[in-house]
Protein backbone atom coordinates (compact mmCIF):
# COMPACT_ATOMS: atom_id res chain seq x y z
CA MET A 1 15.15 -0.20 -20.53
CA SER A 2 11.58 0.51 -21.62
CA ASP A 3 10.00 3.96 -21.50
CA SER A 4 8.35 5.02 -18.26
CA SER A 5 5.35 7.30 -17.85
CA ARG A 6 7.80 10.19 -17.44
CA ASP A 7 9.08 9.53 -20.97
CA THR A 8 6.04 8.81 -23.14
CA ALA A 9 2.29 8.29 -23.03
CA GLU A 10 2.87 4.76 -24.31
CA GLY A 11 5.19 4.17 -21.35
CA ALA A 12 2.27 5.10 -19.10
CA GLY A 13 0.11 2.48 -20.81
CA TRP A 14 -2.04 4.78 -22.94
CA GLY A 15 -2.78 4.06 -26.57
CA THR A 16 -3.62 0.90 -28.45
CA ALA A 17 -1.13 -1.28 -26.64
CA GLU A 18 -1.37 -5.08 -26.53
CA HIS A 19 -2.84 -6.28 -23.26
CA GLY A 20 -0.65 -8.46 -21.10
CA ALA A 21 -0.83 -12.19 -20.51
CA TYR A 22 -1.67 -11.85 -16.81
CA LYS A 23 -5.20 -13.20 -17.31
CA ARG A 24 -3.71 -16.65 -17.81
CA LEU A 25 -2.72 -16.60 -14.15
CA MET A 26 -6.22 -15.83 -12.93
CA PRO A 27 -8.92 -18.30 -11.88
CA HIS A 28 -11.70 -18.91 -14.39
CA LYS A 29 -14.23 -17.16 -12.22
CA VAL A 30 -13.26 -13.90 -10.51
CA GLU A 31 -15.40 -12.28 -7.85
CA LYS A 32 -15.76 -8.62 -8.74
CA LEU A 33 -15.29 -6.61 -5.59
CA SER A 34 -17.08 -3.25 -5.51
CA TRP A 35 -16.77 -0.79 -2.65
CA LEU A 36 -20.09 0.73 -3.72
CA ASN A 37 -21.88 -2.52 -2.88
CA PRO A 38 -23.82 -2.13 0.42
CA LYS A 39 -22.98 -5.73 1.34
CA THR A 40 -19.24 -5.01 1.06
CA LEU A 41 -19.59 -1.85 3.12
CA TRP A 42 -21.58 -3.68 5.81
CA VAL A 43 -19.07 -6.52 6.31
CA SER A 44 -16.29 -3.89 6.43
CA ARG A 45 -17.95 -1.93 9.23
CA ASN A 46 -15.50 -2.67 12.04
CA GLY A 47 -13.37 0.39 11.39
CA VAL A 48 -16.39 2.65 11.81
CA VAL A 49 -17.62 0.70 14.84
CA ALA A 50 -14.18 1.01 16.48
CA SER A 51 -14.13 4.77 15.90
CA TRP A 52 -17.57 5.09 17.55
CA PHE A 53 -17.32 2.69 20.48
CA GLY A 54 -13.60 2.29 21.12
CA ASP A 55 -10.87 0.41 19.29
CA PRO A 56 -10.15 -3.07 20.71
CA THR A 57 -7.23 -3.70 18.33
CA GLY A 58 -4.46 -3.07 20.88
CA ARG A 59 -5.92 -5.51 23.40
CA THR A 60 -6.52 -8.17 20.73
CA ARG A 61 -3.00 -7.71 19.37
CA THR A 62 -1.54 -8.16 22.85
CA ARG A 63 -3.38 -11.46 23.16
CA TRP A 64 -2.08 -12.63 19.77
CA VAL A 65 1.49 -11.69 20.72
CA ALA A 66 1.21 -13.50 24.07
CA GLN A 67 -0.08 -16.61 22.32
CA ARG A 68 2.85 -16.57 19.89
CA ALA A 69 5.33 -16.07 22.75
CA ALA A 70 3.86 -19.07 24.57
CA ALA A 71 4.33 -21.09 21.36
CA GLY A 72 8.05 -20.27 21.32
CA ALA A 73 8.29 -17.16 19.14
CA PRO A 74 11.41 -15.09 19.96
CA ALA A 75 10.78 -12.54 22.68
CA ASP A 76 12.42 -9.73 20.70
CA LYS A 77 10.37 -10.65 17.59
CA VAL A 78 13.48 -10.49 15.41
CA ILE A 79 13.82 -12.80 12.40
CA ARG A 80 17.52 -13.43 11.89
CA ARG A 81 18.30 -14.40 8.31
CA ASP A 82 21.58 -15.52 6.77
CA ASP A 83 21.45 -13.21 3.74
CA PRO A 84 24.78 -11.88 2.43
CA ASP A 85 25.88 -8.25 2.76
CA ARG A 86 24.65 -7.66 -0.80
CA PHE A 87 21.07 -8.80 -1.30
CA SER A 88 17.72 -7.66 -2.70
CA PHE A 89 14.10 -7.82 -1.59
CA LEU A 90 10.68 -6.68 -2.82
CA VAL A 91 8.00 -4.57 -1.17
CA ILE A 92 4.41 -4.58 -2.42
CA GLY A 93 1.41 -3.09 -0.67
CA ASP A 94 -2.39 -3.39 -0.66
CA THR A 95 -2.56 -6.38 -2.93
CA GLY A 96 -5.52 -8.55 -2.19
CA GLU A 97 -8.53 -7.72 -4.36
CA GLY A 98 -8.01 -10.88 -6.42
CA ASP A 99 -8.99 -9.36 -9.77
CA ASP A 100 -7.31 -7.88 -12.86
CA PRO A 101 -5.36 -5.06 -11.17
CA GLN A 102 -3.75 -7.49 -8.71
CA TYR A 103 -2.86 -10.14 -11.26
CA ALA A 104 -1.57 -7.51 -13.71
CA VAL A 105 1.29 -6.83 -11.28
CA VAL A 106 2.38 -10.47 -11.04
CA PRO A 107 4.39 -10.92 -14.31
CA GLY A 108 6.60 -7.91 -13.61
CA PHE A 109 6.85 -8.80 -9.92
CA LEU A 110 8.13 -12.27 -10.83
CA LYS A 111 10.54 -11.00 -13.46
CA VAL A 112 12.07 -8.24 -11.36
CA GLY A 113 12.09 -10.46 -8.26
CA GLN A 114 13.85 -13.53 -9.71
CA ASP A 115 17.01 -13.06 -7.66
CA THR A 116 15.48 -11.46 -4.55
CA ARG A 117 15.81 -13.13 -1.16
CA PHE A 118 12.28 -12.38 0.12
CA ALA A 119 9.29 -10.06 -0.26
CA VAL A 120 7.27 -7.99 2.20
CA LEU A 121 3.54 -7.28 1.87
CA ALA A 122 2.93 -3.84 3.34
CA SER A 123 -0.71 -3.62 4.45
CA ASP A 124 -4.07 -5.08 3.36
CA VAL A 125 -3.11 -8.56 2.26
CA ILE A 126 -6.76 -9.53 1.74
CA TYR A 127 -9.82 -7.43 0.85
CA PRO A 128 -12.50 -6.79 1.94
CA VAL A 129 -12.23 -8.26 5.48
CA GLY A 130 -9.13 -10.47 5.60
CA SER A 131 -11.13 -13.69 5.38
CA ALA A 132 -9.28 -17.02 5.30
CA ASP A 133 -11.61 -18.08 2.48
CA ASP A 134 -10.03 -15.45 0.23
CA TYR A 135 -6.36 -16.39 0.66
CA GLY A 136 -6.44 -18.93 -2.16
CA THR A 137 -7.20 -16.52 -5.01
CA LYS A 138 -5.77 -13.37 -3.41
CA PHE A 139 -2.46 -14.59 -1.97
CA PHE A 140 -1.43 -18.20 -2.65
CA ARG A 141 -2.44 -18.30 -6.33
CA PRO A 142 -1.01 -14.97 -7.55
CA TYR A 143 2.35 -15.49 -5.81
CA ARG A 144 2.69 -19.24 -6.24
CA ASP A 145 5.65 -18.85 -8.64
CA TYR A 146 7.60 -16.46 -6.41
CA GLN A 147 10.29 -18.80 -5.09
CA ALA A 148 11.19 -17.00 -1.87
CA PRO A 149 9.55 -16.29 1.50
CA ILE A 150 6.88 -13.60 1.84
CA TYR A 151 6.53 -11.72 5.13
CA ALA A 152 3.62 -9.39 5.83
CA ILE A 153 2.24 -6.72 8.09
CA PRO A 154 -1.53 -6.43 8.37
CA GLY A 155 -3.58 -3.51 7.15
CA ASN A 156 -6.88 -2.31 8.51
CA HIS A 157 -8.79 -4.70 6.23
CA ASP A 158 -6.89 -7.69 7.62
CA TRP A 159 -8.16 -6.61 11.05
CA TYR A 160 -11.85 -6.63 10.06
CA GLU A 161 -12.05 -10.23 11.27
CA ASP A 162 -9.74 -9.71 14.26
CA LEU A 163 -6.63 -10.86 12.34
CA GLY A 164 -7.47 -14.56 12.69
CA ALA A 165 -6.77 -15.53 9.06
CA PHE A 166 -3.58 -13.45 8.89
CA MET A 167 -2.21 -15.20 11.98
CA ARG A 168 -3.05 -18.63 10.55
CA VAL A 169 -1.25 -17.93 7.26
CA PHE A 170 1.82 -15.98 8.40
CA CYS A 171 2.32 -17.01 12.02
CA ASP A 172 2.72 -20.76 12.10
CA ASP A 173 -0.97 -21.58 11.84
CA ALA A 174 -1.79 -19.81 15.12
CA PRO A 175 -4.99 -21.22 16.70
CA PRO A 176 -8.01 -18.97 17.32
CA LEU A 177 -8.04 -16.75 20.38
CA ALA A 178 -10.32 -17.63 23.25
CA PRO A 179 -13.38 -15.33 23.48
CA GLU A 180 -13.06 -12.30 25.71
CA PRO A 181 -15.27 -12.08 28.81
CA ALA A 182 -18.69 -10.57 28.22
CA SER A 183 -18.94 -6.80 28.66
CA ARG A 184 -21.26 -4.99 31.03
CA PRO A 185 -24.69 -4.52 29.39
CA LEU A 186 -25.26 -1.13 27.71
CA SER A 187 -21.57 -0.22 28.00
CA ARG A 188 -19.67 1.01 24.93
CA ALA A 189 -17.85 -2.32 24.71
CA TRP A 190 -21.18 -4.17 24.86
CA LEU A 191 -22.63 -2.03 22.06
CA ARG A 192 -19.48 -2.58 20.04
CA SER A 193 -19.73 -6.34 20.45
CA LEU A 194 -23.32 -6.28 19.15
CA LEU A 195 -22.27 -4.53 15.93
CA TRP A 196 -18.90 -6.24 15.47
CA HIS A 197 -18.34 -8.28 12.32
CA ARG A 198 -16.83 -11.73 12.94
CA PRO A 199 -15.78 -14.56 10.61
CA HIS A 200 -18.34 -17.22 9.82
CA ALA A 201 -18.10 -20.57 11.56
CA ASN A 202 -16.65 -22.48 8.58
CA ASP A 203 -14.11 -19.83 7.55
CA GLY A 204 -10.90 -21.22 6.06
CA GLN A 205 -11.94 -24.80 5.29
CA ARG A 206 -10.01 -24.62 1.98
CA LEU A 207 -6.87 -23.15 3.56
CA ASP A 208 -4.91 -26.41 3.71
CA GLU A 209 -5.57 -26.99 0.02
CA ASP A 210 -4.69 -23.39 -0.85
CA ARG A 211 -1.33 -23.67 0.94
CA LYS A 212 -0.20 -26.28 -1.59
CA LEU A 213 0.19 -23.48 -4.13
CA ARG A 214 3.16 -22.15 -2.12
CA SER A 215 4.43 -25.32 -0.49
CA SER A 216 8.12 -25.54 -1.39
CA ASN A 217 10.69 -25.17 1.37
CA ALA A 218 12.16 -22.08 -0.30
CA GLN A 219 8.80 -20.29 -0.05
CA GLN A 220 8.17 -20.81 3.66
CA ALA A 221 8.25 -17.93 6.12
CA VAL A 222 7.21 -17.94 9.74
CA GLN A 223 7.03 -14.62 11.55
CA PRO A 224 6.70 -14.06 15.30
CA GLY A 225 3.51 -12.02 15.11
CA PRO A 226 1.79 -9.14 13.32
CA TYR A 227 4.82 -6.93 13.94
CA TRP A 228 8.44 -8.01 13.65
CA ALA A 229 12.01 -7.10 12.68
CA ILE A 230 14.21 -8.80 10.07
CA ASP A 231 17.99 -8.69 10.34
CA SER A 232 19.18 -9.20 6.79
CA GLY A 233 22.63 -8.40 5.46
CA PRO A 234 23.67 -4.91 6.59
CA VAL A 235 20.17 -3.65 7.44
CA ARG A 236 17.33 -4.20 9.89
CA ILE A 237 13.83 -4.06 8.40
CA ILE A 238 11.12 -3.32 10.96
CA GLY A 239 7.45 -4.00 10.25
CA ILE A 240 4.79 -2.43 12.48
CA ASP A 241 1.07 -3.14 12.76
CA THR A 242 -1.06 0.02 12.77
CA GLY A 243 -4.33 -1.85 13.27
CA LEU A 244 -7.76 -0.56 12.42
CA LEU A 245 -7.28 3.16 13.00
CA GLY A 246 -3.62 3.75 12.14
CA THR A 247 -2.06 3.91 15.62
CA LEU A 248 0.24 1.82 17.84
CA ASP A 249 -0.61 0.35 21.23
CA ALA A 250 1.77 1.07 24.13
CA GLU A 251 3.27 -2.44 24.15
CA GLN A 252 4.17 -2.32 20.47
CA GLY A 253 5.49 1.23 20.90
CA ALA A 254 7.86 0.09 23.66
CA TRP A 255 9.04 -2.79 21.46
CA LEU A 256 9.61 -0.41 18.53
CA ARG A 257 11.76 1.86 20.67
CA GLU A 258 13.80 -1.15 21.80
CA VAL A 259 14.43 -2.72 18.37
CA SER A 260 15.25 0.71 16.92
CA GLN A 261 18.28 1.08 19.19
CA GLY A 262 21.78 0.86 17.77
CA PRO A 263 23.70 2.07 14.73
CA ARG A 264 22.57 -0.62 12.28
CA PRO A 265 20.76 1.09 9.34
CA LYS A 266 17.00 0.56 9.49
CA ILE A 267 14.03 0.61 7.14
CA LEU A 268 10.51 0.89 8.54
CA ILE A 269 7.56 -0.87 6.88
CA THR A 270 4.21 0.41 8.13
CA GLY A 271 0.56 0.06 7.27
CA ALA A 272 0.01 3.81 7.62
CA PRO A 273 2.43 6.09 5.71
CA LEU A 274 4.03 8.92 7.65
CA TYR A 275 4.02 11.35 4.71
CA VAL A 276 1.19 11.11 2.21
CA ASP A 277 -0.81 13.41 -0.08
CA GLY A 278 1.31 16.38 0.91
CA GLU A 279 0.64 15.92 4.63
CA HIS A 280 2.61 14.65 7.63
CA HIS A 281 0.98 11.88 9.70
CA PRO A 282 3.49 10.97 12.44
CA CYS A 283 1.39 8.02 13.81
CA ALA A 284 0.54 8.32 17.48
CA ILE A 285 1.67 5.76 20.04
CA GLU A 286 -0.64 5.05 22.98
CA GLY A 287 0.79 6.69 26.08
CA GLY A 288 2.71 9.39 24.22
CA GLY A 289 5.10 10.01 21.37
CA THR A 290 4.87 9.06 17.73
CA VAL A 291 6.39 6.57 15.33
CA ASP A 292 8.04 9.42 13.43
CA ASP A 293 9.76 10.60 16.63
CA ILE A 294 11.48 7.21 16.67
CA VAL A 295 12.29 7.32 12.95
CA ARG A 296 13.81 10.82 13.19
CA ASP A 297 16.01 10.09 16.20
CA PRO A 298 19.56 10.08 14.76
CA ALA A 299 20.62 7.41 17.26
CA HIS A 300 18.26 4.95 15.55
CA HIS A 301 19.71 5.42 12.04
CA TYR A 302 16.53 5.04 9.99
CA VAL A 303 17.12 5.70 6.30
CA ALA A 304 13.60 5.06 4.96
CA ALA A 305 9.99 4.60 6.08
CA ILE A 306 7.71 2.78 3.61
CA GLY A 307 3.95 2.69 4.13
CA GLY A 308 1.02 1.01 2.41
CA ASP A 309 -2.72 1.79 2.72
CA ILE A 310 -2.82 4.47 0.00
CA HIS A 311 -3.02 2.81 -3.42
CA ASN A 312 -0.32 4.63 -5.36
CA TYR A 313 3.37 5.55 -5.09
CA GLN A 314 4.76 8.71 -3.47
CA ARG A 315 8.23 9.65 -2.23
CA TYR A 316 9.23 12.50 0.08
CA PRO A 317 12.99 12.99 0.72
CA VAL A 318 12.80 14.78 4.08
CA GLN A 319 15.84 16.52 5.55
CA VAL A 320 16.23 15.67 9.23
CA ASP A 321 19.18 17.08 11.19
CA GLY A 322 21.45 17.22 8.16
CA ARG A 323 20.53 13.81 6.75
CA THR A 324 17.80 12.63 4.37
CA ILE A 325 15.12 10.10 5.29
CA GLN A 326 13.12 8.73 2.36
CA TYR A 327 9.41 8.59 3.24
CA VAL A 328 7.65 6.39 0.70
CA VAL A 329 4.06 5.38 -0.02
CA SER A 330 3.88 2.02 -1.77
CA GLY A 331 0.32 0.74 -1.84
CA GLY A 332 -0.13 0.16 -5.57
CA GLY A 333 0.15 -3.62 -5.48
CA GLY A 334 -3.29 -4.63 -6.67
CA ALA A 335 -6.23 -2.71 -5.22
CA PHE A 336 -8.07 0.13 -6.97
CA MET A 337 -6.02 3.24 -7.66
CA HIS A 338 -6.14 6.16 -5.26
CA ALA A 339 -5.86 9.40 -7.20
CA THR A 340 -2.63 11.38 -7.30
CA HIS A 341 -4.12 14.35 -9.19
CA THR A 342 -5.76 15.47 -5.93
CA ILE A 343 -2.35 15.93 -4.27
CA PRO A 344 -1.81 19.69 -3.90
CA HIS A 345 1.38 21.64 -4.63
CA ILE A 346 3.97 20.01 -2.36
CA SER A 347 5.42 22.01 0.49
CA VAL A 348 5.83 19.76 3.53
CA GLY A 349 8.84 18.76 5.61
CA ASN A 350 11.02 21.05 3.45
CA VAL A 351 10.11 18.87 0.45
CA THR A 352 9.18 20.82 -2.69
CA GLU A 353 7.64 19.89 -6.02
CA LYS A 354 11.16 19.54 -7.40
CA ASP A 355 11.94 16.80 -4.87
CA PHE A 356 8.56 15.02 -4.78
CA ARG A 357 7.80 11.95 -6.90
CA CYS A 358 4.57 10.07 -7.48
CA TYR A 359 3.13 7.36 -9.69
CA PRO A 360 0.85 7.58 -11.52
CA LEU A 361 1.75 11.09 -12.59
CA ARG A 362 -0.97 13.53 -11.64
CA GLY A 363 -1.93 14.11 -15.27
CA ASP A 364 -2.34 10.38 -15.89
CA SER A 365 -4.41 10.10 -12.72
CA LEU A 366 -6.73 12.91 -13.86
CA ALA A 367 -7.09 11.37 -17.32
CA PHE A 368 -7.86 7.97 -15.73
CA TYR A 369 -10.56 9.40 -13.48
CA SER A 370 -12.07 11.52 -16.24
CA ARG A 371 -12.56 8.42 -18.36
CA LEU A 372 -13.95 6.48 -15.44
CA TYR A 373 -16.58 9.08 -14.58
CA GLY A 374 -17.32 9.79 -18.20
CA ARG A 375 -18.43 6.17 -18.43
CA ARG A 376 -20.19 6.09 -15.08
CA LEU A 377 -22.16 9.26 -15.66
CA HIS A 378 -22.75 8.59 -19.38
CA LEU A 379 -21.05 11.90 -20.15
CA ARG A 380 -18.01 10.67 -22.03
CA ARG A 381 -17.77 13.62 -24.43
CA PHE A 382 -17.87 16.13 -21.58
CA PHE A 383 -15.83 14.41 -18.87
CA THR A 384 -13.13 12.54 -20.77
CA LEU A 385 -9.78 14.32 -21.00
CA THR A 386 -6.90 13.16 -23.14
CA GLU A 387 -3.68 12.46 -21.28
CA ALA A 388 -2.18 15.57 -22.92
CA GLU A 389 -5.08 17.77 -21.77
CA ALA A 390 -4.91 16.37 -18.26
CA THR A 391 -1.14 16.80 -18.06
CA THR A 392 -1.37 20.40 -19.22
CA VAL A 393 -4.17 21.47 -16.88
CA ILE A 394 -2.42 19.87 -13.89
CA ALA A 395 0.76 21.80 -14.74
CA GLU A 396 -1.29 25.02 -14.90
CA ARG A 397 -3.03 24.41 -11.58
CA LEU A 398 0.17 23.50 -9.75
CA GLY A 399 2.35 26.11 -11.45
CA ILE A 400 4.93 23.54 -12.59
CA PRO A 401 6.28 22.44 -15.99
CA PRO A 402 4.45 19.48 -17.55
CA THR A 403 6.26 16.22 -16.80
CA ARG A 404 6.13 15.15 -20.43
CA THR A 405 5.14 17.22 -23.50
CA PRO A 406 6.10 15.14 -26.55
CA GLY A 407 3.79 17.11 -28.87
CA GLY A 408 3.80 20.34 -26.89
CA PRO A 409 1.23 21.31 -24.26
CA ALA A 410 -2.45 20.91 -25.12
CA ARG A 411 -4.84 23.85 -25.13
CA VAL A 412 -6.57 24.35 -21.78
CA THR A 413 -10.25 25.21 -22.25
CA TRP A 414 -13.01 26.11 -19.79
CA ARG A 415 -14.23 22.48 -20.02
CA THR A 416 -10.78 21.13 -19.17
CA ARG A 417 -10.55 23.39 -16.13
CA LEU A 418 -14.11 22.55 -15.01
CA VAL A 419 -13.56 18.79 -15.25
CA ALA A 420 -10.29 19.12 -13.33
CA SER A 421 -12.11 21.05 -10.59
CA LEU A 422 -15.02 18.61 -10.47
CA LEU A 423 -12.58 15.74 -10.04
CA GLY A 424 -10.75 17.49 -7.20
CA ALA A 425 -7.47 18.30 -8.93
CA GLY A 426 -4.90 19.82 -6.61
CA GLY A 427 -3.49 23.31 -6.88
CA ARG A 428 -1.11 25.82 -5.38
CA PRO A 429 -1.80 27.05 -1.81
CA ASP A 430 -2.56 30.55 -3.12
CA ARG A 431 -5.05 29.20 -5.65
CA THR A 432 -7.11 26.78 -3.59
CA SER A 433 -10.87 27.15 -3.54
CA ARG A 434 -13.47 26.22 -0.98
CA PHE A 435 -15.10 24.08 -3.67
CA ARG A 436 -12.15 21.75 -4.34
CA LEU A 437 -11.67 20.06 -0.95
CA PRO A 438 -15.16 18.57 -0.47
CA VAL A 439 -15.23 17.49 -4.13
CA ARG A 440 -11.89 15.75 -3.64
CA LYS A 441 -13.33 13.77 -0.74
CA ILE A 442 -16.52 12.87 -2.63
CA TYR A 443 -14.97 11.74 -5.90
CA THR A 444 -11.78 10.09 -4.73
CA GLN A 445 -12.81 8.55 -1.41
CA LEU A 446 -16.55 7.83 -1.48
CA PHE A 447 -16.61 6.97 -5.19
CA SER A 448 -13.23 5.35 -5.58
CA PRO A 449 -12.88 3.52 -8.91
CA SER A 450 -12.67 0.16 -7.17
CA SER A 451 -12.77 -2.86 -9.43
CA ALA A 452 -15.04 -1.18 -11.95
CA THR A 453 -11.87 -0.80 -14.04
CA TYR A 454 -10.93 -4.05 -15.77
CA SER A 455 -8.87 -2.80 -18.69
CA PRO A 456 -5.37 -1.28 -18.72
CA PRO A 457 -3.73 0.98 -17.83
CA PHE A 458 -4.08 0.07 -14.15
CA PHE A 459 -1.13 2.17 -12.85
CA LYS A 460 0.03 -0.46 -10.33
CA CYS A 461 3.52 -0.64 -8.83
CA PHE A 462 5.93 -2.44 -6.50
CA LEU A 463 9.39 -1.77 -5.07
CA ARG A 464 12.74 -3.50 -5.35
CA LEU A 465 15.43 -2.63 -2.81
CA ASP A 466 19.07 -3.62 -3.38
CA ALA A 467 21.20 -3.43 -0.23
CA THR A 468 24.97 -3.27 0.09
CA PRO A 469 27.08 -2.28 3.11
CA GLU A 470 27.27 1.25 1.67
CA THR A 471 23.85 1.93 0.09
CA VAL A 472 20.29 0.82 -0.52
CA ARG A 473 18.98 1.42 -4.02
CA LEU A 474 15.18 1.77 -4.11
CA ARG A 475 13.35 1.44 -7.41
CA CYS A 476 9.62 1.73 -8.12
CA TYR A 477 8.51 -0.51 -10.99
CA ALA A 478 5.26 0.04 -12.87
CA ALA A 479 2.67 -2.48 -13.97
CA THR A 480 0.00 -1.20 -16.35
CA GLY A 481 -1.54 -4.49 -17.48
CA ASN A 482 -0.13 -4.00 -20.99
CA ARG A 483 2.24 -6.49 -22.59
CA ALA A 484 5.09 -4.01 -23.07
CA GLN A 485 5.32 -3.32 -19.34
CA GLU A 486 5.06 -7.04 -18.54
CA ILE A 487 8.05 -7.87 -20.75
CA ASP A 488 10.20 -4.99 -19.50
CA PRO A 489 8.76 -3.36 -16.34
CA PRO A 490 9.64 0.35 -16.45
CA VAL A 491 11.35 2.08 -13.55
CA GLU A 492 9.16 5.02 -12.51
CA ASP A 493 11.43 6.28 -9.74
CA GLU A 494 14.86 5.46 -8.38
CA VAL A 495 16.92 6.73 -5.47
CA THR A 496 20.18 5.58 -3.90
CA ILE A 497 20.18 5.86 -0.11
CA PRO A 498 23.55 6.05 1.65
CA LEU A 499 23.99 3.84 4.71
CA VAL A 500 27.36 5.19 5.84
């Protein structure tokens, strides 16, 4: 097995490594998506509009589900497969930017997934707005050689055009919804409709041609709607749709409570992680209660909850009533990297730094961002930290041993500490400053690296889960964009989850 980032800097993708062959999979012309482009921000406005004038997602989702039911989809929304008691599947989240970071994941994904029965896309299948025009280069082309079905749950970006393209691709070519009745003039709904982004009239004209890239019988998957359950081998996998603003409507909440009943072990796949960045986000359900209330109920027998949306990997083994539920973030499938170095010292849900895992490692994340902003601000000599410097200063700030110190810890200087602070590096609760939090928001949310990074290491990842009647083994595989990690994808984290 090849070195991981926990073993060596080369295992993390640093150094003069040979770049991978993933570019051969890409189209000749790649649209470079930038989240700093005003045009991109404008077409992605629906999340902001919904937060100002009311979120119509729940009502629209209800209409989609009713349409699918009328077309013959099962009322319980359960996909019943004939997989054996021992089987494997893949989970990959936040894939669809269609550029180097997405395609860099594909060689390892195909290699690790050769014998898997299916894959699940966990959130944000297509950026920036879920357009049907983008499915060719951002879904069908990259995964054309994966010879098994792919199921999906939508992320907030898939909802930016009211989920129309997602439903066409994953839900038996569902026809468009009829327009809603006009709203009362000057009402909040009327104002929302004026600002709402909608697909253009000719959206998806190439979709039939794009489908030919994944046209074999073995690759076909039809799901009953944007949320569903899969009965496969000894487990039930439940996918929920958290819409634009990361919540569940009352109808979906009632369904989730129903399909969660019974002793069969369950794994939740959600577009909004329940534990992330050292915080607990239980996910509210309209009318009362939360998704995490359902997950924690011992009668429901959940063993893991995996969420996309945040573009990295995190794992929180939370003790609940004498058992452990693995809360996982897995959104590193192809979009720009969300920083991990901003995650503070972990103390949440009785999870400590000793138990917590993330990828990229915080030191690698800080080194990545320091190089990025050194280039952007034309201050390379000041901003750029070596991976050893970044690893050492993160260990100092968090009060933990460095994850890897092959040559011993680097010297921490005033410049190293200043750059770490400017880039929002996390710290211990007793060492936080008023300065760090707003800087974290500015540098890692407003000025996310986006697709400005076209050379490895990309720090992407995906999951493989191997189920038996007794256990589920979860492994996080890394994809850096370098050849070494394409040939032998390293395992960055692994945990065996008991089912009995």
